[in-house]
């Protein structure tokens, strides 16, 4: 998984679905500040958080990872 790609896809889907950063942070169970940094500076994303993000956005994990 390419962390930059995943961060960009999550942001792309989040904006397309008009989901706020705060709502995403709540959905994946992280503080807002962590989520915001994640979108701005890609880093390792825990697989369980990735599953939660995909579920909140109504997409598959593979759509977020490109796999």
N, C-alpha and C. Protein backbone atom coordinates (compact mmCIF):
# COMPACT_ATOMS: atom_id res chain seq x y z
N UNK A 1 0.84 -1.19 0.00
CA UNK A 1 0.00 0.00 0.00
C UNK A 1 0.87 1.25 0.00
N UNK A 2 0.57 2.16 -0.86
CA UNK A 2 1.26 3.43 -0.92
C UNK A 2 0.48 4.43 -0.06
N UNK A 3 1.12 4.90 1.00
CA UNK A 3 0.44 5.77 1.97
C UNK A 3 -0.05 7.07 1.34
N UNK A 4 0.74 7.66 0.44
CA UNK A 4 0.32 8.90 -0.21
C UNK A 4 -0.93 8.67 -1.06
N UNK A 5 -0.95 7.56 -1.78
CA UNK A 5 -2.09 7.22 -2.63
C UNK A 5 -3.35 7.04 -1.78
N UNK A 6 -3.22 6.29 -0.69
CA UNK A 6 -4.36 6.01 0.18
C UNK A 6 -4.90 7.31 0.78
N UNK A 7 -4.02 8.16 1.27
CA UNK A 7 -4.46 9.44 1.85
C UNK A 7 -5.20 10.27 0.82
N UNK A 8 -4.66 10.31 -0.39
CA UNK A 8 -5.30 11.09 -1.46
C UNK A 8 -6.67 10.52 -1.82
N UNK A 9 -6.79 9.20 -1.89
CA UNK A 9 -8.07 8.58 -2.23
C UNK A 9 -9.10 8.81 -1.12
N UNK A 10 -8.68 8.68 0.12
CA UNK A 10 -9.62 8.93 1.22
C UNK A 10 -10.12 10.37 1.16
N UNK A 11 -9.22 11.31 0.95
CA UNK A 11 -9.63 12.71 0.86
C UNK A 11 -10.55 12.92 -0.34
N UNK A 12 -10.20 12.32 -1.46
CA UNK A 12 -11.03 12.45 -2.68
C UNK A 12 -12.45 11.94 -2.44
N UNK A 13 -12.57 10.73 -1.88
CA UNK A 13 -13.90 10.17 -1.60
C UNK A 13 -14.62 10.97 -0.52
N UNK A 14 -13.88 11.42 0.50
CA UNK A 14 -14.49 12.19 1.59
C UNK A 14 -15.11 13.47 1.04
N UNK A 15 -14.37 14.16 0.20
CA UNK A 15 -14.88 15.41 -0.36
C UNK A 15 -16.03 15.15 -1.33
N UNK A 16 -15.92 14.09 -2.13
CA UNK A 16 -16.99 13.75 -3.08
C UNK A 16 -18.30 13.41 -2.37
N UNK A 17 -18.19 12.81 -1.19
CA UNK A 17 -19.37 12.43 -0.42
C UNK A 17 -19.76 13.49 0.60
N UNK A 18 -19.06 14.63 0.56
CA UNK A 18 -19.31 15.75 1.46
C UNK A 18 -19.28 15.34 2.93
N UNK A 19 -18.23 14.59 3.28
CA UNK A 19 -18.01 14.16 4.66
C UNK A 19 -16.93 15.05 5.25
N UNK A 20 -17.18 15.59 6.42
CA UNK A 20 -16.19 16.48 7.05
C UNK A 20 -15.02 15.67 7.62
N UNK A 21 -13.92 16.38 7.84
CA UNK A 21 -12.77 15.75 8.48
C UNK A 21 -13.15 15.28 9.88
N UNK A 22 -13.94 16.06 10.58
CA UNK A 22 -14.38 15.69 11.93
C UNK A 22 -15.20 14.41 11.90
N UNK A 23 -16.10 14.29 10.95
CA UNK A 23 -16.92 13.10 10.83
C UNK A 23 -16.05 11.88 10.53
N UNK A 24 -15.05 12.04 9.67
CA UNK A 24 -14.15 10.92 9.36
C UNK A 24 -13.35 10.52 10.59
N UNK A 25 -12.86 11.50 11.33
CA UNK A 25 -12.10 11.19 12.54
C UNK A 25 -12.96 10.39 13.51
N UNK A 26 -14.20 10.81 13.68
CA UNK A 26 -15.13 10.09 14.56
C UNK A 26 -15.39 8.68 14.05
N UNK A 27 -15.59 8.54 12.75
CA UNK A 27 -15.90 7.24 12.16
C UNK A 27 -14.76 6.24 12.33
N UNK A 28 -13.52 6.72 12.26
CA UNK A 28 -12.40 5.78 12.40
C UNK A 28 -11.87 5.71 13.82
N UNK A 29 -12.43 6.52 14.70
CA UNK A 29 -12.07 6.44 16.11
C UNK A 29 -10.74 7.09 16.46
N UNK A 30 -10.44 8.21 15.81
CA UNK A 30 -9.20 8.93 16.12
C UNK A 30 -9.52 10.38 16.43
N UNK A 31 -8.62 11.05 17.11
CA UNK A 31 -8.80 12.48 17.34
C UNK A 31 -8.77 13.23 16.01
N UNK A 32 -9.49 14.32 15.95
CA UNK A 32 -9.54 15.14 14.76
C UNK A 32 -8.14 15.55 14.30
N UNK A 33 -7.29 15.94 15.25
CA UNK A 33 -5.94 16.39 14.88
C UNK A 33 -5.15 15.28 14.19
N UNK A 34 -5.29 14.04 14.64
CA UNK A 34 -4.60 12.91 14.00
C UNK A 34 -5.10 12.75 12.57
N UNK A 35 -6.40 12.80 12.41
CA UNK A 35 -6.97 12.61 11.07
C UNK A 35 -6.49 13.71 10.12
N UNK A 36 -6.52 14.93 10.59
CA UNK A 36 -6.12 16.06 9.75
C UNK A 36 -4.66 15.93 9.31
N UNK A 37 -3.79 15.56 10.24
CA UNK A 37 -2.38 15.36 9.91
C UNK A 37 -2.24 14.23 8.91
N UNK A 38 -3.04 13.17 9.07
CA UNK A 38 -2.97 12.04 8.15
C UNK A 38 -3.24 12.48 6.71
N UNK A 39 -4.24 13.31 6.51
CA UNK A 39 -4.54 13.76 5.15
C UNK A 39 -3.45 14.68 4.60
N UNK A 40 -2.84 15.47 5.45
CA UNK A 40 -1.83 16.42 5.00
C UNK A 40 -0.45 15.79 4.85
N UNK A 41 -0.12 14.85 5.72
CA UNK A 41 1.19 14.20 5.73
C UNK A 41 0.97 12.70 5.84
N UNK A 42 0.84 12.02 4.71
CA UNK A 42 0.54 10.59 4.74
C UNK A 42 1.50 9.79 5.60
N UNK A 43 0.93 8.87 6.35
CA UNK A 43 1.71 7.97 7.18
C UNK A 43 0.98 6.64 7.24
N UNK A 44 1.57 5.70 7.90
CA UNK A 44 0.99 4.36 7.97
C UNK A 44 -0.42 4.42 8.54
N UNK A 45 -1.36 3.81 7.86
CA UNK A 45 -2.75 3.80 8.27
C UNK A 45 -3.10 2.40 8.74
N UNK A 46 -3.51 2.26 9.97
CA UNK A 46 -3.88 0.97 10.53
C UNK A 46 -4.98 0.32 9.70
N UNK A 47 -4.84 -0.99 9.37
CA UNK A 47 -5.85 -1.66 8.55
C UNK A 47 -7.27 -1.56 9.09
N UNK A 48 -7.45 -1.61 10.41
CA UNK A 48 -8.80 -1.50 10.96
C UNK A 48 -9.38 -0.11 10.73
N UNK A 49 -8.53 0.91 10.79
CA UNK A 49 -8.99 2.27 10.51
C UNK A 49 -9.35 2.41 9.03
N UNK A 50 -8.58 1.75 8.19
CA UNK A 50 -8.85 1.80 6.75
C UNK A 50 -10.21 1.17 6.45
N UNK A 51 -10.52 0.08 7.11
CA UNK A 51 -11.83 -0.57 6.94
C UNK A 51 -12.95 0.35 7.41
N UNK A 52 -12.75 1.03 8.52
CA UNK A 52 -13.76 1.96 9.03
C UNK A 52 -13.95 3.15 8.09
N UNK A 53 -12.84 3.64 7.54
CA UNK A 53 -12.92 4.77 6.61
C UNK A 53 -13.70 4.35 5.36
N UNK A 54 -13.39 3.17 4.84
CA UNK A 54 -14.09 2.68 3.65
C UNK A 54 -15.58 2.53 3.93
N UNK A 55 -15.91 1.98 5.10
CA UNK A 55 -17.32 1.80 5.46
C UNK A 55 -18.03 3.14 5.55
N UNK A 56 -17.40 4.13 6.16
CA UNK A 56 -18.03 5.45 6.30
C UNK A 56 -18.25 6.10 4.95
N UNK A 57 -17.33 5.85 4.01
CA UNK A 57 -17.43 6.48 2.70
C UNK A 57 -18.25 5.65 1.70
N UNK A 58 -18.63 4.46 2.12
CA UNK A 58 -19.44 3.61 1.25
C UNK A 58 -18.68 3.04 0.06
N UNK A 59 -17.39 2.80 0.27
CA UNK A 59 -16.54 2.23 -0.78
C UNK A 59 -15.80 1.02 -0.21
N UNK A 60 -15.17 0.26 -1.07
CA UNK A 60 -14.39 -0.89 -0.61
C UNK A 60 -12.98 -0.45 -0.24
N UNK A 61 -12.33 -1.26 0.58
CA UNK A 61 -10.93 -0.98 0.94
C UNK A 61 -10.08 -0.98 -0.33
N UNK A 62 -10.37 -1.88 -1.26
CA UNK A 62 -9.57 -1.95 -2.49
C UNK A 62 -9.70 -0.66 -3.32
N UNK A 63 -10.83 0.02 -3.23
CA UNK A 63 -10.98 1.30 -3.92
C UNK A 63 -10.06 2.35 -3.31
N UNK A 64 -9.81 2.24 -2.02
CA UNK A 64 -8.93 3.20 -1.34
C UNK A 64 -7.45 2.85 -1.55
N UNK A 65 -7.16 1.57 -1.67
CA UNK A 65 -5.76 1.16 -1.77
C UNK A 65 -5.28 0.99 -3.22
N UNK A 66 -6.23 0.87 -4.14
CA UNK A 66 -5.86 0.66 -5.53
C UNK A 66 -5.44 -0.76 -5.82
N UNK A 67 -5.73 -1.65 -4.90
CA UNK A 67 -5.34 -3.06 -5.08
C UNK A 67 -6.50 -3.88 -5.60
